[in-house]
């Protein structure tokens, strides 16, 4: 199963404020694909849960414990799997 690498910046509007999520996970998804690690693998091995993986795929917020677990699995640093992308909303 190929992981979708077309990650878009997320507008997290769960609280009605329209908060902008400026963290991108496409580096993580590319590294997972490169190493042959699938969503099934990380769920089966209890690295992270299905809901957390869905947040990653959708560009949502995850906590530092999740980042730590993923770095341990992939033997990397946080900067190898996430990046900050400044606000690029149209009209602002």
N, C-alpha and C. Protein backbone atom coordinates (compact mmCIF):
# COMPACT_ATOMS: atom_id res chain seq x y z
N UNK A 1 0.85 -1.18 0.00
CA UNK A 1 0.00 0.00 0.00
C UNK A 1 0.89 1.24 0.00
N UNK A 2 0.67 2.14 -0.93
CA UNK A 2 1.44 3.37 -1.04
C UNK A 2 0.82 4.45 -0.16
N UNK A 3 1.66 5.19 0.54
CA UNK A 3 1.16 6.27 1.38
C UNK A 3 1.00 7.53 0.55
N UNK A 4 -0.05 8.27 0.79
CA UNK A 4 -0.31 9.51 0.07
C UNK A 4 0.67 10.58 0.52
N UNK A 5 1.49 11.08 -0.41
CA UNK A 5 2.48 12.08 -0.08
C UNK A 5 2.00 13.50 -0.36
N UNK A 6 0.79 13.62 -0.86
CA UNK A 6 0.24 14.93 -1.17
C UNK A 6 -0.41 15.54 0.07
N UNK A 7 0.41 15.94 1.03
CA UNK A 7 -0.12 16.52 2.26
C UNK A 7 -0.39 18.00 2.05
N UNK A 8 -1.53 18.45 2.54
CA UNK A 8 -1.88 19.85 2.46
C UNK A 8 -1.88 20.43 3.87
N UNK A 9 -1.65 21.72 3.97
CA UNK A 9 -1.72 22.37 5.27
C UNK A 9 -3.14 22.31 5.78
N UNK A 10 -3.27 22.12 7.07
CA UNK A 10 -4.58 21.88 7.67
C UNK A 10 -5.10 23.12 8.38
N UNK A 11 -6.37 23.36 8.25
CA UNK A 11 -7.04 24.39 9.03
C UNK A 11 -7.87 23.67 10.08
N UNK A 12 -7.37 23.63 11.29
CA UNK A 12 -8.01 22.90 12.38
C UNK A 12 -9.11 23.78 12.96
N UNK A 13 -10.34 23.46 12.62
CA UNK A 13 -11.47 24.29 13.01
C UNK A 13 -12.36 23.57 14.00
N UNK A 14 -11.80 22.67 14.81
CA UNK A 14 -12.63 21.90 15.74
C UNK A 14 -13.22 22.77 16.84
N UNK A 15 -12.58 23.89 17.14
CA UNK A 15 -13.10 24.75 18.20
C UNK A 15 -13.78 26.00 17.65
N UNK A 16 -13.95 26.07 16.32
CA UNK A 16 -14.63 27.21 15.72
C UNK A 16 -13.78 28.43 15.50
N UNK A 17 -12.50 28.37 15.90
CA UNK A 17 -11.63 29.54 15.76
C UNK A 17 -10.91 29.57 14.42
N UNK A 18 -10.89 28.46 13.69
CA UNK A 18 -10.21 28.43 12.40
C UNK A 18 -8.70 28.43 12.54
N UNK A 19 -8.18 27.81 13.58
CA UNK A 19 -6.74 27.78 13.80
C UNK A 19 -6.02 27.14 12.63
N UNK A 20 -4.86 27.69 12.32
CA UNK A 20 -4.05 27.22 11.21
C UNK A 20 -2.97 26.29 11.73
N UNK A 21 -2.88 25.09 11.18
CA UNK A 21 -1.86 24.11 11.58
C UNK A 21 -0.71 24.20 10.59
N UNK A 22 0.42 24.72 11.03
CA UNK A 22 1.54 24.97 10.14
C UNK A 22 2.61 23.89 10.20
N UNK A 23 2.27 22.71 10.64
CA UNK A 23 3.22 21.59 10.67
C UNK A 23 2.84 20.63 9.56
N UNK A 24 3.85 20.21 8.80
CA UNK A 24 3.63 19.28 7.69
C UNK A 24 4.31 17.96 8.01
N UNK A 25 3.71 16.87 7.57
CA UNK A 25 4.21 15.52 7.85
C UNK A 25 4.64 14.78 6.59
N UNK A 26 4.78 15.46 5.46
CA UNK A 26 5.11 14.74 4.25
C UNK A 26 6.49 14.10 4.32
N UNK A 27 7.42 14.69 5.09
CA UNK A 27 8.74 14.06 5.27
C UNK A 27 8.61 12.73 6.01
N UNK A 28 7.72 12.69 7.00
CA UNK A 28 7.47 11.45 7.74
C UNK A 28 6.91 10.37 6.83
N UNK A 29 5.91 10.72 6.05
CA UNK A 29 5.29 9.75 5.16
C UNK A 29 6.26 9.25 4.10
N UNK A 30 7.11 10.13 3.61
CA UNK A 30 8.11 9.72 2.61
C UNK A 30 9.12 8.77 3.24
N UNK A 31 9.57 9.07 4.47
CA UNK A 31 10.54 8.21 5.15
C UNK A 31 9.93 6.85 5.46
N UNK A 32 8.68 6.84 5.88
CA UNK A 32 8.01 5.56 6.14
C UNK A 32 7.93 4.73 4.86
N UNK A 33 7.58 5.37 3.77
CA UNK A 33 7.49 4.64 2.50
C UNK A 33 8.87 4.12 2.08
N UNK A 34 9.88 4.97 2.24
CA UNK A 34 11.25 4.58 1.89
C UNK A 34 11.71 3.35 2.69
N UNK A 35 11.32 3.29 3.96
CA UNK A 35 11.74 2.19 4.83
C UNK A 35 10.76 1.02 4.81
N UNK A 36 9.71 1.12 4.00
CA UNK A 36 8.75 0.03 3.88
C UNK A 36 7.85 -0.13 5.08
N UNK A 37 7.64 0.95 5.83
CA UNK A 37 6.78 0.91 7.01
C UNK A 37 5.40 1.42 6.59
N UNK A 38 4.39 0.60 6.77
CA UNK A 38 3.03 0.95 6.37
C UNK A 38 2.20 1.35 7.58
N UNK A 39 1.03 1.88 7.31
CA UNK A 39 0.12 2.21 8.41
C UNK A 39 -0.25 0.93 9.16
N UNK A 40 -0.38 -0.17 8.45
CA UNK A 40 -0.68 -1.45 9.09
C UNK A 40 0.42 -1.83 10.08
N UNK A 41 1.68 -1.64 9.69
CA UNK A 41 2.82 -1.98 10.56
C UNK A 41 2.78 -1.19 11.86
N UNK A 42 2.58 0.13 11.75
CA UNK A 42 2.63 0.93 12.98
C UNK A 42 1.43 0.68 13.88
N UNK A 43 0.30 0.31 13.29
CA UNK A 43 -0.87 -0.03 14.10
C UNK A 43 -0.70 -1.41 14.73
N UNK A 44 -0.23 -2.38 13.94
CA UNK A 44 -0.04 -3.75 14.42
C UNK A 44 0.97 -3.80 15.57
N UNK A 45 2.05 -3.03 15.45
CA UNK A 45 3.10 -3.01 16.46
C UNK A 45 2.82 -2.02 17.59
N UNK A 46 1.62 -1.45 17.61
CA UNK A 46 1.20 -0.49 18.65
C UNK A 46 2.15 0.69 18.80
N UNK A 47 2.69 1.17 17.69
CA UNK A 47 3.54 2.36 17.74
C UNK A 47 2.65 3.58 18.00
N UNK A 48 1.65 3.76 17.16
CA UNK A 48 0.64 4.80 17.36
C UNK A 48 -0.71 4.22 16.95
N UNK A 49 -1.76 4.86 17.39
CA UNK A 49 -3.11 4.39 17.09
C UNK A 49 -3.61 4.85 15.73
N UNK A 50 -4.71 4.26 15.33
CA UNK A 50 -5.32 4.57 14.04
C UNK A 50 -5.76 6.03 13.97
N UNK A 51 -6.32 6.55 15.04
CA UNK A 51 -6.78 7.95 15.06
C UNK A 51 -5.60 8.91 14.91
N UNK A 52 -4.49 8.59 15.55
CA UNK A 52 -3.30 9.43 15.45
C UNK A 52 -2.74 9.40 14.04
N UNK A 53 -2.71 8.21 13.43
CA UNK A 53 -2.21 8.12 12.06
C UNK A 53 -3.12 8.90 11.11
N UNK A 54 -4.42 8.88 11.37
CA UNK A 54 -5.35 9.65 10.55
C UNK A 54 -5.06 11.14 10.67
N UNK A 55 -4.76 11.61 11.89
CA UNK A 55 -4.39 13.01 12.08
C UNK A 55 -3.16 13.37 11.25
N UNK A 56 -2.18 12.48 11.24
CA UNK A 56 -0.96 12.72 10.46
C UNK A 56 -1.31 12.83 8.98
N UNK A 57 -2.10 11.91 8.49
CA UNK A 57 -2.48 11.91 7.07
C UNK A 57 -3.26 13.17 6.69
N UNK A 58 -4.04 13.70 7.63
CA UNK A 58 -4.86 14.87 7.37
C UNK A 58 -4.18 16.18 7.75
N UNK A 59 -2.97 16.10 8.29
CA UNK A 59 -2.24 17.31 8.67
C UNK A 59 -2.67 17.90 9.99
N UNK A 60 -3.25 17.09 10.87
CA UNK A 60 -3.70 17.57 12.17
C UNK A 60 -2.59 17.61 13.21
N UNK A 61 -2.94 18.01 14.40
CA UNK A 61 -1.97 18.14 15.49
C UNK A 61 -1.73 16.80 16.17
N UNK A 62 -0.47 16.50 16.46
CA UNK A 62 -0.10 15.32 17.23
C UNK A 62 0.81 15.79 18.37
N UNK A 63 0.95 14.97 19.40
CA UNK A 63 1.76 15.41 20.54
C UNK A 63 3.20 14.92 20.44
N UNK A 64 4.03 15.42 21.34
CA UNK A 64 5.46 15.10 21.30
C UNK A 64 5.73 13.64 21.64
N UNK A 65 4.85 12.99 22.38
CA UNK A 65 5.03 11.55 22.64
C UNK A 65 4.93 10.76 21.34
N UNK A 66 4.02 11.16 20.48
CA UNK A 66 3.87 10.49 19.18
C UNK A 66 5.11 10.73 18.33
N UNK A 67 5.58 11.96 18.31
CA UNK A 67 6.80 12.28 17.55
C UNK A 67 7.96 11.46 18.07
N UNK A 68 8.07 11.33 19.38
CA UNK A 68 9.13 10.54 20.00
C UNK A 68 9.06 9.07 19.57
N UNK A 69 7.86 8.50 19.59
CA UNK A 69 7.69 7.10 19.18
C UNK A 69 8.06 6.90 17.72
N UNK A 70 7.66 7.83 16.87
CA UNK A 70 7.97 7.72 15.45
C UNK A 70 9.47 7.87 15.19
N UNK A 71 10.12 8.78 15.93
CA UNK A 71 11.57 8.95 15.79
C UNK A 71 12.30 7.68 16.23
N UNK A 72 11.84 7.05 17.30
CA UNK A 72 12.45 5.79 17.75
C UNK A 72 12.28 4.70 16.70
N UNK A 73 11.09 4.60 16.13
CA UNK A 73 10.82 3.59 15.11
C UNK A 73 11.69 3.81 13.87
N UNK A 74 11.82 5.06 13.46
CA UNK A 74 12.53 5.38 12.22
C UNK A 74 14.01 5.71 12.43
N UNK A 75 14.44 5.73 13.71
CA UNK A 75 15.83 6.06 14.05
C UNK A 75 16.23 7.40 13.43
N UNK A 76 15.48 8.45 13.80
CA UNK A 76 15.71 9.77 13.21
C UNK A 76 15.44 10.87 14.25
N UNK A 77 15.62 12.10 13.84
CA UNK A 77 15.34 13.27 14.67
C UNK A 77 14.00 13.89 14.23
N UNK A 78 13.35 14.66 15.11
CA UNK A 78 12.07 15.26 14.74
C UNK A 78 12.11 16.06 13.44
N UNK A 79 13.19 16.78 13.20
CA UNK A 79 13.31 17.56 11.97
C UNK A 79 13.36 16.71 10.71
N UNK A 80 13.62 15.42 10.88
CA UNK A 80 13.63 14.50 9.74
C UNK A 80 12.22 14.09 9.33
N UNK A 81 11.23 14.32 10.21
CA UNK A 81 9.87 13.84 9.92
C UNK A 81 8.81 14.93 9.91
N UNK A 82 9.11 16.09 10.47
CA UNK A 82 8.13 17.19 10.44
C UNK A 82 8.83 18.46 10.02
N UNK A 83 8.04 19.38 9.50
CA UNK A 83 8.59 20.69 9.16
C UNK A 83 7.55 21.76 9.40
N UNK A 84 8.03 22.94 9.72
CA UNK A 84 7.16 24.10 9.91
C UNK A 84 6.97 24.77 8.56
N UNK A 85 5.73 25.05 8.21
CA UNK A 85 5.41 25.75 6.98
C UNK A 85 4.61 26.98 7.35
N UNK A 86 5.14 28.17 7.08
CA UNK A 86 4.44 29.39 7.48
C UNK A 86 3.06 29.49 6.87
N UNK A 87 2.21 30.28 7.49
CA UNK A 87 0.83 30.50 7.05
C UNK A 87 0.83 30.98 5.60
N UNK A 88 0.13 30.23 4.74
CA UNK A 88 0.04 30.59 3.33
C UNK A 88 -1.41 30.71 2.89
N UNK A 89 -2.31 31.01 3.82
CA UNK A 89 -3.72 31.14 3.46
C UNK A 89 -3.88 32.30 2.48
N UNK A 90 -4.74 32.11 1.50
CA UNK A 90 -5.02 33.16 0.50
C UNK A 90 -5.66 34.36 1.16
N UNK A 91 -5.27 35.54 0.69
CA UNK A 91 -5.90 36.76 1.15
C UNK A 91 -5.36 37.31 2.46
N UNK A 92 -4.32 36.70 3.00
CA UNK A 92 -3.76 37.20 4.26
C UNK A 92 -2.32 37.55 4.09
